[in-house]
Amino acid sequence: MKHFKKPDPVPIFFYSNGLMIKGFTFLPYYSKQAQSILSDILDGYFPYDLKAKYPEGVPLKPVDNCEEAYNIKEIADKAKANKYRQFEDIDGPEPMSKKEFLDQFPKHVMKGGKAIPIREELEKKFQET
């Protein structure tokens, strides 16, 4: 007999200046993606923006950090000092590194019979920001 395993919840951190879903980048509230995610959740739907990573859906676990603004440098400093344990207490993937993100894309795609260097263009964009 086959048993179904309930998927572990994915934390969604709410800050005063935006939200972060474990395994994704920080999204300021004014961004279209954050507004889309919040709109879907408030309408009672699984966020469309998460369907690529979670095609079958996954429970979301809200984590209230609204009293503080998201600041990657501050979070990294606190994690190094072992004072920031909120991320450690929750199982799940860490935010992607630049290399992990780029490795998701093919080196080239064919368009109109020509090879377009996708990954190379994305790397250039990362260097610009």
N, C-alpha and C. Protein backbone atom coordinates (compact mmCIF):
# COMPACT_ATOMS: atom_id res chain seq x y z
N MET A 1 0.84 -1.19 0.00
CA MET A 1 0.00 0.00 0.00
C MET A 1 0.88 1.25 0.00
N LYS A 2 0.59 2.14 -0.87
CA LYS A 2 1.38 3.37 -1.01
C LYS A 2 0.79 4.47 -0.13
N HIS A 3 1.68 5.14 0.62
CA HIS A 3 1.25 6.24 1.49
C HIS A 3 1.72 7.56 0.90
N PHE A 4 0.88 8.55 1.00
CA PHE A 4 1.25 9.88 0.54
C PHE A 4 1.86 10.66 1.68
N LYS A 5 2.96 11.32 1.40
CA LYS A 5 3.63 12.12 2.41
C LYS A 5 3.22 13.58 2.23
N LYS A 6 2.78 14.18 3.30
CA LYS A 6 2.41 15.59 3.27
C LYS A 6 3.69 16.41 3.10
N PRO A 7 3.72 17.32 2.11
CA PRO A 7 4.94 18.11 1.93
C PRO A 7 5.17 19.06 3.10
N ASP A 8 6.44 19.28 3.39
CA ASP A 8 6.80 20.22 4.44
C ASP A 8 6.41 21.64 4.01
N PRO A 9 5.92 22.45 4.96
CA PRO A 9 5.54 23.82 4.59
C PRO A 9 6.76 24.65 4.19
N VAL A 10 6.56 25.55 3.27
CA VAL A 10 7.60 26.48 2.82
C VAL A 10 7.35 27.80 3.53
N PRO A 11 8.35 28.31 4.25
CA PRO A 11 8.15 29.57 4.97
C PRO A 11 8.11 30.76 4.02
N ILE A 12 7.21 31.67 4.32
CA ILE A 12 7.13 32.95 3.61
C ILE A 12 7.29 34.03 4.68
N PHE A 13 8.41 34.74 4.61
CA PHE A 13 8.77 35.74 5.61
C PHE A 13 8.20 37.09 5.19
N PHE A 14 7.46 37.72 6.09
CA PHE A 14 6.90 39.04 5.83
C PHE A 14 7.69 40.08 6.63
N TYR A 15 8.28 41.03 5.91
CA TYR A 15 9.04 42.12 6.52
C TYR A 15 8.28 43.43 6.30
N SER A 16 8.73 44.48 6.93
CA SER A 16 8.05 45.77 6.75
C SER A 16 8.21 46.30 5.33
N ASN A 17 9.25 45.86 4.63
CA ASN A 17 9.52 46.38 3.28
C ASN A 17 9.33 45.36 2.17
N GLY A 18 8.89 44.14 2.50
CA GLY A 18 8.68 43.14 1.45
C GLY A 18 8.55 41.75 2.02
N LEU A 19 8.63 40.76 1.14
CA LEU A 19 8.51 39.38 1.57
C LEU A 19 9.61 38.53 0.96
N MET A 20 9.87 37.42 1.59
CA MET A 20 10.87 36.48 1.08
C MET A 20 10.35 35.08 1.30
N ILE A 21 10.40 34.30 0.24
CA ILE A 21 10.01 32.90 0.31
C ILE A 21 11.29 32.09 0.23
N LYS A 22 11.45 31.15 1.13
CA LYS A 22 12.67 30.36 1.19
C LYS A 22 12.97 29.78 -0.18
N GLY A 23 14.18 30.00 -0.68
CA GLY A 23 14.58 29.51 -1.99
C GLY A 23 14.39 30.52 -3.10
N PHE A 24 13.81 31.69 -2.79
CA PHE A 24 13.60 32.75 -3.77
C PHE A 24 14.29 34.02 -3.28
N THR A 25 14.40 34.98 -4.13
CA THR A 25 15.00 36.26 -3.73
C THR A 25 13.97 37.11 -2.98
N PHE A 26 14.47 38.11 -2.28
CA PHE A 26 13.60 39.05 -1.58
C PHE A 26 12.76 39.83 -2.58
N LEU A 27 11.49 40.05 -2.26
CA LEU A 27 10.58 40.79 -3.13
C LEU A 27 10.00 41.98 -2.38
N PRO A 28 10.37 43.21 -2.79
CA PRO A 28 9.74 44.38 -2.14
C PRO A 28 8.26 44.40 -2.47
N TYR A 29 7.46 44.91 -1.55
CA TYR A 29 6.00 44.92 -1.73
C TYR A 29 5.56 45.65 -3.00
N TYR A 30 6.33 46.63 -3.45
CA TYR A 30 5.93 47.36 -4.65
C TYR A 30 6.18 46.59 -5.94
N SER A 31 6.93 45.46 -5.88
CA SER A 31 7.21 44.70 -7.10
C SER A 31 5.96 43.97 -7.58
N LYS A 32 5.88 43.80 -8.89
CA LYS A 32 4.72 43.12 -9.48
C LYS A 32 4.63 41.68 -8.98
N GLN A 33 5.77 41.02 -8.80
CA GLN A 33 5.76 39.63 -8.36
C GLN A 33 5.23 39.51 -6.93
N ALA A 34 5.65 40.39 -6.04
CA ALA A 34 5.14 40.36 -4.66
C ALA A 34 3.64 40.65 -4.64
N GLN A 35 3.20 41.61 -5.43
CA GLN A 35 1.78 41.94 -5.49
C GLN A 35 0.97 40.78 -6.05
N SER A 36 1.53 40.09 -7.03
CA SER A 36 0.85 38.93 -7.62
C SER A 36 0.73 37.80 -6.59
N ILE A 37 1.81 37.54 -5.86
CA ILE A 37 1.80 36.48 -4.84
C ILE A 37 0.77 36.81 -3.75
N LEU A 38 0.81 38.04 -3.26
CA LEU A 38 -0.13 38.44 -2.20
C LEU A 38 -1.57 38.41 -2.69
N SER A 39 -1.79 38.85 -3.91
CA SER A 39 -3.14 38.84 -4.48
C SER A 39 -3.68 37.42 -4.58
N ASP A 40 -2.85 36.49 -5.06
CA ASP A 40 -3.28 35.09 -5.16
C ASP A 40 -3.60 34.51 -3.78
N ILE A 41 -2.74 34.78 -2.80
CA ILE A 41 -2.97 34.25 -1.45
C ILE A 41 -4.25 34.83 -0.87
N LEU A 42 -4.44 36.14 -1.00
CA LEU A 42 -5.64 36.77 -0.45
C LEU A 42 -6.92 36.31 -1.15
N ASP A 43 -6.80 35.91 -2.42
CA ASP A 43 -7.95 35.37 -3.15
C ASP A 43 -8.17 33.88 -2.88
N GLY A 44 -7.28 33.29 -2.06
CA GLY A 44 -7.45 31.88 -1.69
C GLY A 44 -6.81 30.90 -2.66
N TYR A 45 -5.90 31.38 -3.49
CA TYR A 45 -5.24 30.51 -4.47
C TYR A 45 -3.77 30.30 -4.12
N PHE A 46 -3.22 29.20 -4.64
CA PHE A 46 -1.78 29.00 -4.54
C PHE A 46 -1.12 29.99 -5.50
N PRO A 47 -0.08 30.71 -5.05
CA PRO A 47 0.52 31.74 -5.90
C PRO A 47 1.04 31.18 -7.23
N TYR A 48 0.58 31.77 -8.30
CA TYR A 48 0.97 31.35 -9.65
C TYR A 48 2.49 31.41 -9.83
N ASP A 49 3.13 32.42 -9.21
CA ASP A 49 4.58 32.59 -9.34
C ASP A 49 5.38 31.44 -8.72
N LEU A 50 4.74 30.63 -7.89
CA LEU A 50 5.44 29.50 -7.26
C LEU A 50 5.18 28.17 -7.96
N LYS A 51 4.30 28.17 -8.96
CA LYS A 51 3.92 26.92 -9.61
C LYS A 51 5.06 26.26 -10.37
N ALA A 52 6.01 27.03 -10.88
CA ALA A 52 7.14 26.43 -11.60
C ALA A 52 7.98 25.58 -10.65
N LYS A 53 8.19 26.08 -9.44
CA LYS A 53 9.00 25.34 -8.46
C LYS A 53 8.18 24.28 -7.72
N TYR A 54 6.90 24.56 -7.52
CA TYR A 54 6.01 23.65 -6.80
C TYR A 54 4.76 23.38 -7.64
N PRO A 55 4.89 22.57 -8.71
CA PRO A 55 3.74 22.36 -9.61
C PRO A 55 2.54 21.70 -8.94
N GLU A 56 2.76 20.92 -7.90
CA GLU A 56 1.67 20.26 -7.18
C GLU A 56 1.19 21.11 -6.00
N GLY A 57 1.81 22.27 -5.81
CA GLY A 57 1.48 23.11 -4.66
C GLY A 57 2.25 22.67 -3.43
N VAL A 58 2.23 23.48 -2.41
CA VAL A 58 2.92 23.19 -1.15
C VAL A 58 2.31 24.10 -0.09
N PRO A 59 2.19 23.62 1.14
CA PRO A 59 1.67 24.52 2.19
C PRO A 59 2.66 25.66 2.44
N LEU A 60 2.15 26.84 2.66
CA LEU A 60 2.98 28.00 2.98
C LEU A 60 2.85 28.31 4.47
N LYS A 61 3.98 28.59 5.10
CA LYS A 61 4.00 28.90 6.53
C LYS A 61 4.40 30.36 6.71
N PRO A 62 3.44 31.23 7.08
CA PRO A 62 3.79 32.64 7.25
C PRO A 62 4.67 32.86 8.48
N VAL A 63 5.68 33.71 8.33
CA VAL A 63 6.57 34.07 9.44
C VAL A 63 6.54 35.60 9.53
N ASP A 64 6.04 36.12 10.65
CA ASP A 64 5.86 37.55 10.83
C ASP A 64 7.14 38.22 11.31
N ASN A 65 7.76 38.98 10.42
CA ASN A 65 8.92 39.81 10.76
C ASN A 65 8.62 41.27 10.42
N CYS A 66 7.35 41.64 10.49
CA CYS A 66 6.90 42.97 10.06
C CYS A 66 7.47 44.11 10.91
N GLU A 67 8.00 43.79 12.06
CA GLU A 67 8.59 44.82 12.91
C GLU A 67 9.97 45.25 12.42
N GLU A 68 10.52 44.52 11.45
CA GLU A 68 11.86 44.86 10.95
C GLU A 68 11.86 44.89 9.43
N ALA A 69 12.79 45.66 8.88
CA ALA A 69 12.97 45.73 7.43
C ALA A 69 13.95 44.65 7.02
N TYR A 70 13.74 44.09 5.84
CA TYR A 70 14.68 43.10 5.32
C TYR A 70 15.95 43.81 4.92
N ASN A 71 17.08 43.32 5.40
CA ASN A 71 18.39 43.88 5.09
C ASN A 71 19.36 42.71 5.01
N ILE A 72 19.78 42.35 3.79
CA ILE A 72 20.60 41.15 3.59
C ILE A 72 21.92 41.23 4.36
N LYS A 73 22.54 42.40 4.43
CA LYS A 73 23.81 42.51 5.15
C LYS A 73 23.60 42.25 6.64
N GLU A 74 22.56 42.83 7.20
CA GLU A 74 22.27 42.64 8.62
C GLU A 74 21.96 41.18 8.92
N ILE A 75 21.20 40.54 8.05
CA ILE A 75 20.86 39.13 8.25
C ILE A 75 22.10 38.26 8.18
N ALA A 76 22.97 38.53 7.22
CA ALA A 76 24.21 37.77 7.10
C ALA A 76 25.10 37.95 8.34
N ASP A 77 25.18 39.20 8.82
CA ASP A 77 25.99 39.47 10.02
C ASP A 77 25.43 38.72 11.23
N LYS A 78 24.12 38.74 11.38
CA LYS A 78 23.50 38.05 12.52
C LYS A 78 23.68 36.54 12.41
N ALA A 79 23.57 36.01 11.21
CA ALA A 79 23.74 34.57 11.02
C ALA A 79 25.15 34.15 11.38
N LYS A 80 26.12 34.97 11.00
CA LYS A 80 27.52 34.66 11.31
C LYS A 80 27.75 34.64 12.82
N ALA A 81 27.06 35.48 13.52
CA ALA A 81 27.22 35.56 14.97
C ALA A 81 26.31 34.58 15.71
N ASN A 82 25.60 33.73 14.95
CA ASN A 82 24.67 32.75 15.51
C ASN A 82 23.58 33.38 16.36
N LYS A 83 23.24 34.64 16.07
CA LYS A 83 22.17 35.29 16.80
C LYS A 83 20.85 35.19 16.05
N TYR A 84 20.95 34.93 14.76
CA TYR A 84 19.76 34.91 13.91
C TYR A 84 19.43 33.46 13.59
N ARG A 85 18.58 32.83 14.36
CA ARG A 85 18.31 31.41 14.21
C ARG A 85 17.01 31.11 13.47
N GLN A 86 16.28 32.10 13.11
CA GLN A 86 14.97 31.88 12.48
C GLN A 86 15.09 31.05 11.20
N PHE A 87 16.10 31.33 10.38
CA PHE A 87 16.28 30.59 9.15
C PHE A 87 16.77 29.17 9.43
N GLU A 88 17.56 28.99 10.47
CA GLU A 88 18.11 27.68 10.79
C GLU A 88 17.05 26.73 11.30
N ASP A 89 16.01 27.24 11.93
CA ASP A 89 14.99 26.39 12.53
C ASP A 89 14.04 25.80 11.50
N ILE A 90 14.07 26.28 10.29
CA ILE A 90 13.11 25.84 9.28
C ILE A 90 13.85 25.09 8.19
N ASP A 91 13.44 23.85 7.97
CA ASP A 91 14.06 23.06 6.92
C ASP A 91 13.63 23.58 5.57
N GLY A 92 14.48 23.41 4.60
CA GLY A 92 14.15 23.83 3.25
C GLY A 92 15.37 24.38 2.57
N PRO A 93 15.24 24.64 1.29
CA PRO A 93 16.40 25.12 0.55
C PRO A 93 16.77 26.55 0.93
N GLU A 94 18.06 26.82 0.88
CA GLU A 94 18.55 28.17 1.11
C GLU A 94 18.33 28.98 -0.16
N PRO A 95 18.36 30.30 -0.05
CA PRO A 95 18.27 31.09 -1.28
C PRO A 95 19.39 30.68 -2.25
N MET A 96 19.09 30.73 -3.52
CA MET A 96 20.03 30.27 -4.53
C MET A 96 21.23 31.19 -4.66
N SER A 97 22.38 30.58 -4.94
CA SER A 97 23.56 31.37 -5.27
C SER A 97 23.44 31.80 -6.72
N LYS A 98 24.29 32.73 -7.11
CA LYS A 98 24.28 33.20 -8.50
C LYS A 98 24.53 32.03 -9.45
N LYS A 99 25.48 31.17 -9.12
CA LYS A 99 25.81 30.03 -9.98
C LYS A 99 24.64 29.07 -10.08
N GLU A 100 23.99 28.76 -8.95
CA GLU A 100 22.84 27.86 -8.97
C GLU A 100 21.72 28.42 -9.84
N PHE A 101 21.51 29.73 -9.74
CA PHE A 101 20.48 30.37 -10.54
C PHE A 101 20.80 30.25 -12.02
N LEU A 102 22.04 30.59 -12.38
CA LEU A 102 22.43 30.55 -13.79
C LEU A 102 22.42 29.14 -14.36
N ASP A 103 22.76 28.16 -13.53
CA ASP A 103 22.79 26.77 -13.99
C ASP A 103 21.41 26.23 -14.36
N GLN A 104 20.35 26.92 -13.97
CA GLN A 104 19.00 26.50 -14.33
C GLN A 104 18.71 26.73 -15.80
N PHE A 105 19.47 27.62 -16.43
CA PHE A 105 19.20 28.02 -17.80
C PHE A 105 20.14 27.32 -18.76
N PRO A 106 19.65 27.04 -19.99
CA PRO A 106 20.55 26.45 -20.99
C PRO A 106 21.58 27.49 -21.42
N LYS A 107 22.72 27.00 -21.90
CA LYS A 107 23.74 27.94 -22.38
C LYS A 107 23.25 28.69 -23.61
N HIS A 108 22.52 27.99 -24.48
CA HIS A 108 22.00 28.60 -25.71
C HIS A 108 20.58 28.12 -25.97
N VAL A 109 19.81 28.95 -26.65
CA VAL A 109 18.51 28.53 -27.17
C VAL A 109 18.49 28.86 -28.66
N MET A 110 17.72 28.10 -29.40
CA MET A 110 17.62 28.32 -30.84
C MET A 110 16.40 29.20 -31.11
N LYS A 111 16.62 30.24 -31.88
CA LYS A 111 15.52 31.13 -32.27
C LYS A 111 15.79 31.59 -33.70
N GLY A 112 14.86 31.26 -34.57
CA GLY A 112 15.02 31.63 -35.97
C GLY A 112 16.24 31.00 -36.60
N GLY A 113 16.61 29.81 -36.15
CA GLY A 113 17.78 29.11 -36.70
C GLY A 113 19.11 29.62 -36.16
N LYS A 114 19.08 30.51 -35.19
CA LYS A 114 20.32 31.04 -34.61
C LYS A 114 20.41 30.65 -33.13
N ALA A 115 21.64 30.39 -32.69
CA ALA A 115 21.87 30.07 -31.28
C ALA A 115 22.02 31.38 -30.51
N ILE A 116 21.17 31.56 -29.50
CA ILE A 116 21.19 32.77 -28.66
C ILE A 116 21.84 32.39 -27.33
N PRO A 117 22.94 33.09 -26.92
CA PRO A 117 23.62 32.76 -25.66
C PRO A 117 22.88 33.31 -24.43
N ILE A 118 21.95 32.55 -23.90
CA ILE A 118 21.11 32.99 -22.78
C ILE A 118 21.93 33.18 -21.50
N ARG A 119 22.64 32.15 -21.10
CA ARG A 119 23.35 32.21 -19.82
C ARG A 119 24.39 33.33 -19.81
N GLU A 120 25.08 33.51 -20.92
CA GLU A 120 26.09 34.56 -21.03
C GLU A 120 25.46 35.94 -20.82
N GLU A 121 24.28 36.15 -21.41
CA GLU A 121 23.59 37.44 -21.25
C GLU A 121 23.16 37.65 -19.80
N LEU A 122 22.68 36.58 -19.15
CA LEU A 122 22.27 36.71 -17.75
C LEU A 122 23.46 37.03 -16.86
N GLU A 123 24.60 36.40 -17.13
CA GLU A 123 25.81 36.68 -16.35
C GLU A 123 26.20 38.15 -16.48
N LYS A 124 26.07 38.71 -17.67
CA LYS A 124 26.38 40.13 -17.89
C LYS A 124 25.46 41.00 -17.04
N LYS A 125 24.18 40.64 -16.99
CA LYS A 125 23.20 41.41 -16.20
C LYS A 125 23.58 41.38 -14.72
N PHE A 126 24.02 40.21 -14.23
CA PHE A 126 24.43 40.11 -12.83
C PHE A 126 25.63 41.01 -12.54
N GLN A 127 26.55 41.09 -13.47
CA GLN A 127 27.73 41.91 -13.26
C GLN A 127 27.40 43.38 -13.26
N GLU A 128 26.33 43.76 -13.99
CA GLU A 128 25.91 45.16 -14.04
C GLU A 128 25.26 45.62 -12.74
N THR A 129 24.63 44.69 -12.01
CA THR A 129 23.91 45.08 -10.80
C THR A 129 24.73 44.87 -9.56
